[in-house]
């Protein structure tokens, strides 16, 4: 509503649902370990250095952000969302936890996410999933 009480333009509300390193319904294949990670979101991450290790999640929502760490030992991962893939490089000259390492502006609906370790160390701290409502 406008300040004078008259109806205003429509608005959209967005709810962001954060997860830790173990999102509900997520499936891990291969060697993944929960490790304490200094300054990480919630203090720890799920980490793998095994090429081919995979994380899969089906979710209902919209925009997706993957929160992870970049570091000198950071590797590369392939993120596939609804069949579209992108390779993400996690190397950095210094350790940088709590980074948005992947962002997808997806429409609100059902999605399938797959993260596959290609090389080096992949440290995932969690996901942020937004669901828009009118």
Protein backbone atom coordinates (compact mmCIF):
# COMPACT_ATOMS: atom_id res chain seq x y z
CA UNK A 1 0.00 0.00 0.00
CA UNK A 2 1.06 3.54 -0.63
CA UNK A 3 1.62 5.90 2.28
CA UNK A 4 -1.86 7.40 1.83
CA UNK A 5 -3.52 3.95 2.15
CA UNK A 6 -4.21 3.58 -1.58
CA UNK A 7 -3.22 0.26 -3.17
CA UNK A 8 0.30 0.30 -4.58
CA UNK A 9 2.02 -1.82 -7.24
CA UNK A 10 2.35 -5.57 -6.75
CA UNK A 11 5.43 -6.78 -4.96
CA UNK A 12 7.23 -10.08 -4.82
CA UNK A 13 8.54 -11.63 -1.66
CA UNK A 14 11.67 -13.77 -1.74
CA UNK A 15 12.50 -16.29 0.95
CA UNK A 16 16.10 -17.52 1.05
CA UNK A 17 16.66 -20.94 2.58
CA UNK A 18 20.29 -21.49 3.63
CA UNK A 19 21.68 -24.95 4.22
CA UNK A 20 24.79 -26.22 5.91
CA UNK A 21 27.12 -28.69 4.22
CA UNK A 22 24.45 -31.44 4.38
CA UNK A 23 21.32 -30.13 2.61
CA UNK A 24 18.20 -32.23 3.23
CA UNK A 25 17.78 -34.71 0.40
CA UNK A 26 21.35 -34.29 -0.90
CA UNK A 27 23.28 -37.39 -1.92
CA UNK A 28 27.07 -37.73 -1.79
CA UNK A 29 28.95 -40.30 -3.86
CA UNK A 30 32.65 -40.92 -3.46
CA UNK A 31 34.93 -39.70 -0.67
CA UNK A 32 33.53 -36.62 1.15
CA UNK A 33 34.52 -35.63 4.69
CA UNK A 34 33.20 -32.98 7.08
CA UNK A 35 36.09 -30.81 8.22
CA UNK A 36 36.34 -27.79 10.47
CA UNK A 37 37.23 -24.81 8.31
CA UNK A 38 38.33 -21.58 9.95
CA UNK A 39 35.94 -18.69 9.20
CA UNK A 40 33.64 -20.99 7.20
CA UNK A 41 29.91 -20.48 7.22
CA UNK A 42 28.72 -22.57 10.22
CA UNK A 43 32.39 -23.43 10.97
CA UNK A 44 32.80 -26.45 8.73
CA UNK A 45 32.59 -27.72 5.15
CA UNK A 46 32.14 -30.97 3.31
CA UNK A 47 35.41 -31.57 1.48
CA UNK A 48 36.60 -33.92 -1.25
CA UNK A 49 39.89 -34.27 -3.11
CA UNK A 50 38.75 -37.33 -5.03
CA UNK A 51 38.25 -36.80 -8.74
CA UNK A 52 34.75 -37.97 -9.66
CA UNK A 53 33.24 -37.48 -6.18
CA UNK A 54 29.74 -36.14 -6.64
CA UNK A 55 26.94 -34.35 -4.82
CA UNK A 56 23.37 -34.40 -6.19
CA UNK A 57 20.26 -32.55 -5.01
CA UNK A 58 16.74 -32.17 -6.32
CA UNK A 59 15.05 -29.06 -4.96
CA UNK A 60 12.08 -26.78 -5.49
CA UNK A 61 12.98 -23.10 -5.60
CA UNK A 62 14.58 -20.42 -7.69
CA UNK A 63 17.93 -18.67 -7.53
CA UNK A 64 20.75 -20.89 -6.27
CA UNK A 65 24.08 -19.90 -4.71
CA UNK A 66 26.78 -22.40 -3.79
CA UNK A 67 28.86 -21.25 -0.82
CA UNK A 68 32.38 -22.65 -0.66
CA UNK A 69 36.05 -21.97 -0.09
CA UNK A 70 38.75 -20.83 -2.49
CA UNK A 71 42.33 -21.68 -1.52
CA UNK A 72 45.84 -22.40 -2.84
CA UNK A 73 44.88 -26.11 -2.97
CA UNK A 74 41.46 -25.35 -4.42
CA UNK A 75 40.49 -27.53 -7.32
CA UNK A 76 37.97 -27.42 -10.09
CA UNK A 77 34.38 -28.63 -10.00
CA UNK A 78 31.70 -29.03 -12.61
CA UNK A 79 28.29 -27.68 -11.59
CA UNK A 80 25.33 -28.94 -13.60
CA UNK A 81 21.93 -27.37 -13.02
CA UNK A 82 19.04 -28.76 -15.05
CA UNK A 83 21.41 -30.18 -17.67
CA UNK A 84 23.51 -27.00 -18.14
CA UNK A 85 27.11 -27.35 -16.96
CA UNK A 86 29.79 -24.90 -15.92
CA UNK A 87 33.32 -25.54 -14.64
CA UNK A 88 34.29 -23.54 -11.54
CA UNK A 89 37.92 -22.90 -10.53
CA UNK A 90 38.38 -22.71 -6.74
CA UNK A 91 42.07 -21.73 -6.71
CA UNK A 92 43.10 -18.56 -4.89
CA UNK A 93 46.47 -17.19 -3.71
CA UNK A 94 45.15 -17.17 -0.13
CA UNK A 95 42.41 -19.07 1.68
CA UNK A 96 39.03 -17.41 1.27
CA UNK A 97 36.12 -19.27 2.91
CA UNK A 98 32.51 -18.14 2.74
CA UNK A 99 32.56 -17.31 -0.97
CA UNK A 100 29.69 -17.50 -3.43
CA UNK A 101 31.46 -19.77 -5.91
CA UNK A 102 28.44 -20.31 -8.18
CA UNK A 103 25.25 -18.32 -8.73
CA UNK A 104 22.32 -19.26 -10.97
CA UNK A 105 19.31 -17.05 -11.58
CA UNK A 106 16.84 -19.91 -12.01
CA UNK A 107 13.05 -19.58 -12.20
CA UNK A 108 11.05 -20.92 -9.25
CA UNK A 109 10.32 -24.58 -10.05
CA UNK A 110 11.84 -28.04 -9.52
CA UNK A 111 15.57 -28.32 -10.27
CA UNK A 112 18.32 -30.93 -10.31
CA UNK A 113 21.82 -29.91 -9.17
CA UNK A 114 24.97 -32.01 -9.56
CA UNK A 115 28.43 -31.00 -8.35
CA UNK A 116 31.35 -33.17 -9.52
CA UNK A 117 34.96 -32.84 -8.33
CA UNK A 118 37.30 -32.62 -11.34
CA UNK A 119 40.68 -31.89 -9.70
CA UNK A 120 42.17 -30.66 -6.42
CA UNK A 121 40.22 -29.93 -3.25
CA UNK A 122 36.57 -28.88 -3.29
CA UNK A 123 35.19 -27.47 -0.01
CA UNK A 124 31.44 -26.84 0.05
CA UNK A 125 29.99 -24.90 2.99
CA UNK A 126 26.34 -24.90 1.94
CA UNK A 127 23.70 -23.69 -0.48
CA UNK A 128 21.39 -20.72 -0.57
CA UNK A 129 18.11 -21.41 -2.37
CA UNK A 130 15.59 -18.64 -3.01
CA UNK A 131 11.93 -19.25 -3.69
CA UNK A 132 9.93 -16.35 -5.10
CA UNK A 133 6.27 -15.94 -4.24
CA UNK A 134 3.78 -13.49 -5.63
